[in-house]
């Protein structure tokens, strides 16, 4: 039953999709994608930097060491 639904969905998508797409990507689109990729990368690096002690603490909890939280208590 599940396989039949997927097959129907894929078939409907292929039948209803146009065979020719008259799409246009201007030169600014590439730089927008690069900016988005850079923002995701640097945002992830910042999040890792801000939460590094908590991330490290997740792996050290089994060894009996206490980790300090964001408030400095612990």
PDB file of N, CA and C in Angstrom:
ATOM      1  N   UNK A   1       0.826  -1.200   0.000  1.00  0.00           N
ATOM      2  CA  UNK A   1       0.000   0.000   0.000  1.00  0.00           C
ATOM      3  C   UNK A   1       0.870   1.264   0.000  1.00  0.00           C
ATOM      4  N   UNK A   2       1.894   1.227   0.837  1.00  0.00           N
ATOM      5  CA  UNK A   2       2.777   2.386   0.935  1.00  0.00           C
ATOM      6  C   UNK A   2       3.537   2.598  -0.382  1.00  0.00           C
ATOM      7  N   UNK A   3       3.972   1.520  -0.965  1.00  0.00           N
ATOM      8  CA  UNK A   3       4.700   1.585  -2.224  1.00  0.00           C
ATOM      9  C   UNK A   3       3.806   2.114  -3.342  1.00  0.00           C
ATOM     10  N   UNK A   4       2.542   1.737  -3.323  1.00  0.00           N
ATOM     11  CA  UNK A   4       1.602   2.196  -4.341  1.00  0.00           C
ATOM     12  C   UNK A   4       1.387   3.710  -4.243  1.00  0.00           C
ATOM     13  N   UNK A   5       1.327   4.230  -3.017  1.00  0.00           N
ATOM     14  CA  UNK A   5       1.160   5.685  -2.841  1.00  0.00           C
ATOM     15  C   UNK A   5       2.368   6.445  -3.388  1.00  0.00           C
ATOM     16  N   UNK A   6       3.568   5.925  -3.084  1.00  0.00           N
ATOM     17  CA  UNK A   6       4.776   6.580  -3.588  1.00  0.00           C
ATOM     18  C   UNK A   6       4.814   6.543  -5.115  1.00  0.00           C
ATOM     19  N   UNK A   7       4.464   5.403  -5.680  1.00  0.00           N
ATOM     20  CA  UNK A   7       4.457   5.269  -7.125  1.00  0.00           C
ATOM     21  C   UNK A   7       3.456   6.223  -7.755  1.00  0.00           C
ATOM     22  N   UNK A   8       2.278   6.357  -7.148  1.00  0.00           N
ATOM     23  CA  UNK A   8       1.262   7.289  -7.649  1.00  0.00           C
ATOM     24  C   UNK A   8       1.750   8.732  -7.546  1.00  0.00           C
ATOM     25  N   UNK A   9       2.373   9.085  -6.432  1.00  0.00           N
ATOM     26  CA  UNK A   9       2.867  10.454  -6.247  1.00  0.00           C
ATOM     27  C   UNK A   9       3.961  10.785  -7.253  1.00  0.00           C
ATOM     28  N   UNK A  10       4.882   9.864  -7.454  1.00  0.00           N
ATOM     29  CA  UNK A  10       5.966  10.101  -8.412  1.00  0.00           C
ATOM     30  C   UNK A  10       5.428  10.183  -9.829  1.00  0.00           C
ATOM     31  N   UNK A  11       4.497   9.310 -10.165  1.00  0.00           N
ATOM     32  CA  UNK A  11       3.908   9.316 -11.506  1.00  0.00           C
ATOM     33  C   UNK A  11       3.157  10.613 -11.765  1.00  0.00           C
ATOM     34  N   UNK A  12       2.374  11.060 -10.785  1.00  0.00           N
ATOM     35  CA  UNK A  12       1.628  12.310 -10.940  1.00  0.00           C
ATOM     36  C   UNK A  12       2.574  13.491 -11.105  1.00  0.00           C
ATOM     37  N   UNK A  13       3.663  13.492 -10.353  1.00  0.00           N
ATOM     38  CA  UNK A  13       4.638  14.578 -10.466  1.00  0.00           C
ATOM     39  C   UNK A  13       5.273  14.602 -11.848  1.00  0.00           C
ATOM     40  N   UNK A  14       5.637  13.448 -12.360  1.00  0.00           N
ATOM     41  CA  UNK A  14       6.269  13.386 -13.675  1.00  0.00           C
ATOM     42  C   UNK A  14       5.302  13.759 -14.794  1.00  0.00           C
ATOM     43  N   UNK A  15       4.034  13.383 -14.662  1.00  0.00           N
ATOM     44  CA  UNK A  15       3.047  13.694 -15.700  1.00  0.00           C
ATOM     45  C   UNK A  15       2.692  15.168 -15.684  1.00  0.00           C
ATOM     46  N   UNK A  16       2.560  15.753 -14.488  1.00  0.00           N
ATOM     47  CA  UNK A  16       2.121  17.139 -14.384  1.00  0.00           C
ATOM     48  C   UNK A  16       3.254  18.147 -14.532  1.00  0.00           C
ATOM     49  N   UNK A  17       4.483  17.719 -14.399  1.00  0.00           N
ATOM     50  CA  UNK A  17       5.623  18.631 -14.518  1.00  0.00           C
ATOM     51  C   UNK A  17       5.818  19.020 -15.982  1.00  0.00           C
ATOM     52  N   UNK A  18       6.106  20.277 -16.237  1.00  0.00           N
ATOM     53  CA  UNK A  18       6.337  20.690 -17.626  1.00  0.00           C
ATOM     54  C   UNK A  18       7.642  20.100 -18.154  1.00  0.00           C
ATOM     55  N   UNK A  19       7.663  19.818 -19.435  1.00  0.00           N
ATOM     56  CA  UNK A  19       8.866  19.228 -20.022  1.00  0.00           C
ATOM     57  C   UNK A  19       9.940  20.284 -20.293  1.00  0.00           C
ATOM     58  N   UNK A  20       9.522  21.522 -20.499  1.00  0.00           N
ATOM     59  CA  UNK A  20      10.467  22.607 -20.753  1.00  0.00           C
ATOM     60  C   UNK A  20      10.225  23.696 -19.713  1.00  0.00           C
ATOM     61  N   UNK A  21      11.268  24.095 -19.030  1.00  0.00           N
ATOM     62  CA  UNK A  21      11.158  25.162 -18.051  1.00  0.00           C
ATOM     63  C   UNK A  21      11.861  26.397 -18.604  1.00  0.00           C
ATOM     64  N   UNK A  22      11.153  27.480 -18.710  1.00  0.00           N
ATOM     65  CA  UNK A  22      11.740  28.732 -19.180  1.00  0.00           C
ATOM     66  C   UNK A  22      12.178  29.526 -17.958  1.00  0.00           C
ATOM     67  N   UNK A  23      13.197  29.042 -17.297  1.00  0.00           N
ATOM     68  CA  UNK A  23      13.680  29.662 -16.071  1.00  0.00           C
ATOM     69  C   UNK A  23      14.865  30.565 -16.376  1.00  0.00           C
ATOM     70  N   UNK A  24      15.040  31.561 -15.540  1.00  0.00           N
ATOM     71  CA  UNK A  24      16.151  32.485 -15.703  1.00  0.00           C
ATOM     72  C   UNK A  24      16.788  32.718 -14.342  1.00  0.00           C
ATOM     73  N   UNK A  25      18.079  32.556 -14.263  1.00  0.00           N
ATOM     74  CA  UNK A  25      18.832  32.861 -13.056  1.00  0.00           C
ATOM     75  C   UNK A  25      19.786  34.001 -13.382  1.00  0.00           C
ATOM     76  N   UNK A  26      19.565  35.139 -12.767  1.00  0.00           N
ATOM     77  CA  UNK A  26      20.433  36.281 -13.045  1.00  0.00           C
ATOM     78  C   UNK A  26      21.766  36.119 -12.311  1.00  0.00           C
ATOM     79  N   UNK A  27      22.746  36.942 -12.633  1.00  0.00           N
ATOM     80  CA  UNK A  27      24.070  36.809 -12.008  1.00  0.00           C
ATOM     81  C   UNK A  27      24.055  36.986 -10.488  1.00  0.00           C
ATOM     82  N   UNK A  28      23.111  37.707  -9.964  1.00  0.00           N
ATOM     83  CA  UNK A  28      23.038  37.912  -8.520  1.00  0.00           C
ATOM     84  C   UNK A  28      22.636  36.657  -7.765  1.00  0.00           C
ATOM     85  N   UNK A  29      22.035  35.699  -8.446  1.00  0.00           N
ATOM     86  CA  UNK A  29      21.595  34.481  -7.785  1.00  0.00           C
ATOM     87  C   UNK A  29      22.778  33.685  -7.253  1.00  0.00           C
ATOM     88  N   UNK A  30      23.840  33.602  -8.008  1.00  0.00           N
ATOM     89  CA  UNK A  30      25.019  32.866  -7.562  1.00  0.00           C
ATOM     90  C   UNK A  30      25.632  33.474  -6.315  1.00  0.00           C
ATOM     91  N   UNK A  31      25.736  34.798  -6.304  1.00  0.00           N
ATOM     92  CA  UNK A  31      26.312  35.447  -5.127  1.00  0.00           C
ATOM     93  C   UNK A  31      25.386  35.312  -3.922  1.00  0.00           C
ATOM     94  N   UNK A  32      24.080  35.285  -4.152  1.00  0.00           N
ATOM     95  CA  UNK A  32      23.133  35.077  -3.054  1.00  0.00           C
ATOM     96  C   UNK A  32      23.334  33.695  -2.436  1.00  0.00           C
ATOM     97  N   UNK A  33      23.493  32.675  -3.278  1.00  0.00           N
ATOM     98  CA  UNK A  33      23.720  31.325  -2.765  1.00  0.00           C
ATOM     99  C   UNK A  33      25.049  31.239  -2.014  1.00  0.00           C
ATOM    100  N   UNK A  34      26.077  31.915  -2.504  1.00  0.00           N
ATOM    101  CA  UNK A  34      27.358  31.932  -1.799  1.00  0.00           C
ATOM    102  C   UNK A  34      27.238  32.617  -0.444  1.00  0.00           C
ATOM    103  N   UNK A  35      26.504  33.724  -0.391  1.00  0.00           N
ATOM    104  CA  UNK A  35      26.307  34.428   0.877  1.00  0.00           C
ATOM    105  C   UNK A  35      25.534  33.564   1.862  1.00  0.00           C
ATOM    106  N   UNK A  36      24.529  32.847   1.364  1.00  0.00           N
ATOM    107  CA  UNK A  36      23.750  31.971   2.231  1.00  0.00           C
ATOM    108  C   UNK A  36      24.618  30.839   2.778  1.00  0.00           C
ATOM    109  N   UNK A  37      25.430  30.240   1.916  1.00  0.00           N
ATOM    110  CA  UNK A  37      26.317  29.162   2.353  1.00  0.00           C
ATOM    111  C   UNK A  37      27.323  29.676   3.387  1.00  0.00           C
ATOM    112  N   UNK A  38      27.870  30.869   3.166  1.00  0.00           N
ATOM    113  CA  UNK A  38      28.822  31.442   4.117  1.00  0.00           C
ATOM    114  C   UNK A  38      28.142  31.738   5.450  1.00  0.00           C
ATOM    115  N   UNK A  39      26.911  32.246   5.407  1.00  0.00           N
ATOM    116  CA  UNK A  39      26.186  32.549   6.641  1.00  0.00           C
ATOM    117  C   UNK A  39      25.912  31.282   7.436  1.00  0.00           C
ATOM    118  N   UNK A  40      25.531  30.209   6.753  1.00  0.00           N
ATOM    119  CA  UNK A  40      25.279  28.940   7.439  1.00  0.00           C
ATOM    120  C   UNK A  40      26.573  28.411   8.055  1.00  0.00           C
ATOM    121  N   UNK A  41      27.658  28.458   7.300  1.00  0.00           N
ATOM    122  CA  UNK A  41      28.943  27.970   7.791  1.00  0.00           C
ATOM    123  C   UNK A  41      29.405  28.754   9.015  1.00  0.00           C
ATOM    124  N   UNK A  42      29.425  30.078   8.911  1.00  0.00           N
ATOM    125  CA  UNK A  42      29.927  30.890  10.011  1.00  0.00           C
ATOM    126  C   UNK A  42      28.968  30.893  11.197  1.00  0.00           C
ATOM    127  N   UNK A  43      27.674  30.789  10.940  1.00  0.00           N
ATOM    128  CA  UNK A  43      26.715  30.666  12.037  1.00  0.00           C
ATOM    129  C   UNK A  43      26.917  29.377  12.805  1.00  0.00           C
ATOM    130  N   UNK A  44      27.173  28.296  12.086  1.00  0.00           N
ATOM    131  CA  UNK A  44      27.446  27.017  12.745  1.00  0.00           C
ATOM    132  C   UNK A  44      28.722  27.064  13.558  1.00  0.00           C
ATOM    133  N   UNK A  45      29.757  27.684  12.995  1.00  0.00           N
ATOM    134  CA  UNK A  45      31.019  27.812  13.731  1.00  0.00           C
ATOM    135  C   UNK A  45      30.851  28.657  14.990  1.00  0.00           C
ATOM    136  N   UNK A  46      30.068  29.718  14.905  1.00  0.00           N
ATOM    137  CA  UNK A  46      29.806  30.558  16.071  1.00  0.00           C
ATOM    138  C   UNK A  46      29.043  29.784  17.140  1.00  0.00           C
ATOM    139  N   UNK A  47      28.056  29.003  16.715  1.00  0.00           N
ATOM    140  CA  UNK A  47      27.289  28.203  17.677  1.00  0.00           C
ATOM    141  C   UNK A  47      28.191  27.193  18.368  1.00  0.00           C
ATOM    142  N   UNK A  48      29.092  26.572  17.622  1.00  0.00           N
ATOM    143  CA  UNK A  48      30.033  25.624  18.233  1.00  0.00           C
ATOM    144  C   UNK A  48      30.940  26.344  19.231  1.00  0.00           C
ATOM    145  N   UNK A  49      31.398  27.535  18.858  1.00  0.00           N
ATOM    146  CA  UNK A  49      32.274  28.288  19.764  1.00  0.00           C
ATOM    147  C   UNK A  49      31.538  28.668  21.049  1.00  0.00           C
ATOM    148  N   UNK A  50      30.306  29.109  20.927  1.00  0.00           N
ATOM    149  CA  UNK A  50      29.557  29.540  22.102  1.00  0.00           C
ATOM    150  C   UNK A  50      29.208  28.383  23.026  1.00  0.00           C
ATOM    151  N   UNK A  51      28.949  27.214  22.474  1.00  0.00           N
ATOM    152  CA  UNK A  51      28.515  26.086  23.281  1.00  0.00           C
ATOM    153  C   UNK A  51      29.581  25.006  23.400  1.00  0.00           C
ATOM    154  N   UNK A  52      30.853  25.346  23.208  1.00  0.00           N
ATOM    155  CA  UNK A  52      31.918  24.345  23.206  1.00  0.00           C
ATOM    156  C   UNK A  52      32.027  23.612  24.548  1.00  0.00           C
ATOM    157  N   UNK A  53      31.892  24.329  25.658  1.00  0.00           N
ATOM    158  CA  UNK A  53      32.010  23.672  26.968  1.00  0.00           C
ATOM    159  C   UNK A  53      30.888  22.660  27.176  1.00  0.00           C
ATOM    160  N   UNK A  54      29.679  22.993  26.738  1.00  0.00           N
ATOM    161  CA  UNK A  54      28.567  22.062  26.873  1.00  0.00           C
ATOM    162  C   UNK A  54      28.745  20.860  25.955  1.00  0.00           C
ATOM    163  N   UNK A  55      29.251  21.085  24.753  1.00  0.00           N
ATOM    164  CA  UNK A  55      29.485  19.987  23.814  1.00  0.00           C
ATOM    165  C   UNK A  55      30.548  19.052  24.377  1.00  0.00           C
ATOM    166  N   UNK A  56      31.632  19.627  24.897  1.00  0.00           N
ATOM    167  CA  UNK A  56      32.693  18.830  25.487  1.00  0.00           C
ATOM    168  C   UNK A  56      32.191  18.077  26.714  1.00  0.00           C
ATOM    169  N   UNK A  57      31.316  18.717  27.472  1.00  0.00           N
ATOM    170  CA  UNK A  57      30.768  18.099  28.669  1.00  0.00           C
ATOM    171  C   UNK A  57      29.909  16.881  28.373  1.00  0.00           C
ATOM    172  N   UNK A  58      29.269  16.858  27.217  1.00  0.00           N
ATOM    173  CA  UNK A  58      28.463  15.695  26.847  1.00  0.00           C
ATOM    174  C   UNK A  58      29.311  14.439  26.739  1.00  0.00           C
ATOM    175  N   UNK A  59      30.552  14.596  26.309  1.00  0.00           N
ATOM    176  CA  UNK A  59      31.434  13.452  26.132  1.00  0.00           C
ATOM    177  C   UNK A  59      32.213  13.114  27.391  1.00  0.00           C
ATOM    178  N   UNK A  60      32.287  14.032  28.342  1.00  0.00           N
ATOM    179  CA  UNK A  60      33.056  13.798  29.565  1.00  0.00           C
ATOM    180  C   UNK A  60      32.186  13.357  30.734  1.00  0.00           C
ATOM    181  N   UNK A  61      30.882  13.364  30.608  1.00  0.00           N
ATOM    182  CA  UNK A  61      30.006  13.055  31.746  1.00  0.00           C
ATOM    183  C   UNK A  61      30.216  11.655  32.279  1.00  0.00           C
ATOM    184  N   UNK A  62      30.565  10.731  31.423  1.00  0.00           N
ATOM    185  CA  UNK A  62      30.769   9.363  31.858  1.00  0.00           C
ATOM    186  C   UNK A  62      32.008   9.182  32.720  1.00  0.00           C
ATOM    187  N   UNK A  63      32.915  10.144  32.724  1.00  0.00           N
ATOM    188  CA  UNK A  63      34.166  10.043  33.466  1.00  0.00           C
ATOM    189  C   UNK A  63      34.080  10.641  34.866  1.00  0.00           C
ATOM    190  N   UNK A  64      32.906  11.170  35.229  1.00  0.00           N
ATOM    191  CA  UNK A  64      32.737  11.702  36.579  1.00  0.00           C
ATOM    192  C   UNK A  64      33.159  13.143  36.753  1.00  0.00           C
ATOM    193  N   UNK A  65      33.479  13.842  35.690  1.00  0.00           N
ATOM    194  CA  UNK A  65      33.878  15.239  35.799  1.00  0.00           C
ATOM    195  C   UNK A  65      32.644  16.124  35.757  1.00  0.00           C
ATOM    196  N   UNK A  66      32.678  17.193  36.556  1.00  0.00           N
ATOM    197  CA  UNK A  66      31.581  18.153  36.533  1.00  0.00           C
ATOM    198  C   UNK A  66      31.889  19.230  35.509  1.00  0.00           C
ATOM    199  N   UNK A  67      30.821  19.666  34.806  1.00  0.00           N
ATOM    200  CA  UNK A  67      30.982  20.760  33.853  1.00  0.00           C
ATOM    201  C   UNK A  67      30.190  21.944  34.321  1.00  0.00           C
ATOM    202  N   UNK A  68      30.663  23.115  34.023  1.00  0.00           N
ATOM    203  CA  UNK A  68      29.941  24.332  34.401  1.00  0.00           C
ATOM    204  C   UNK A  68      28.973  24.673  33.293  1.00  0.00           C
ATOM    205  N   UNK A  69      27.777  25.152  33.694  1.00  0.00           N
ATOM    206  CA  UNK A  69      26.772  25.582  32.739  1.00  0.00           C
ATOM    207  C   UNK A  69      27.034  27.006  32.293  1.00  0.00           C
ATOM    208  N   UNK A  70      26.091  27.587  31.588  1.00  0.00           N
ATOM    209  CA  UNK A  70      26.240  28.952  31.113  1.00  0.00           C
ATOM    210  C   UNK A  70      26.285  29.955  32.275  1.00  0.00           C
ATOM    211  N   UNK A  71      25.605  29.645  33.389  1.00  0.00           N
ATOM    212  CA  UNK A  71      25.580  30.572  34.513  1.00  0.00           C
ATOM    213  C   UNK A  71      26.815  30.450  35.391  1.00  0.00           C
ATOM    214  N   UNK A  72      27.682  29.468  35.157  1.00  0.00           N
ATOM    215  CA  UNK A  72      28.895  29.308  35.938  1.00  0.00           C
ATOM    216  C   UNK A  72      28.699  28.439  37.169  1.00  0.00           C
ATOM    217  N   UNK A  73      27.488  27.945  37.400  1.00  0.00           N
ATOM    218  CA  UNK A  73      27.222  27.071  38.527  1.00  0.00           C
ATOM    219  C   UNK A  73      27.483  25.636  38.152  1.00  0.00           C
ATOM    220  N   UNK A  74      27.889  24.832  39.096  1.00  0.00           N
ATOM    221  CA  UNK A  74      28.013  23.418  38.785  1.00  0.00           C
ATOM    222  C   UNK A  74      29.072  22.713  39.468  1.00  0.00           C
TER     223      UNK A  74
END
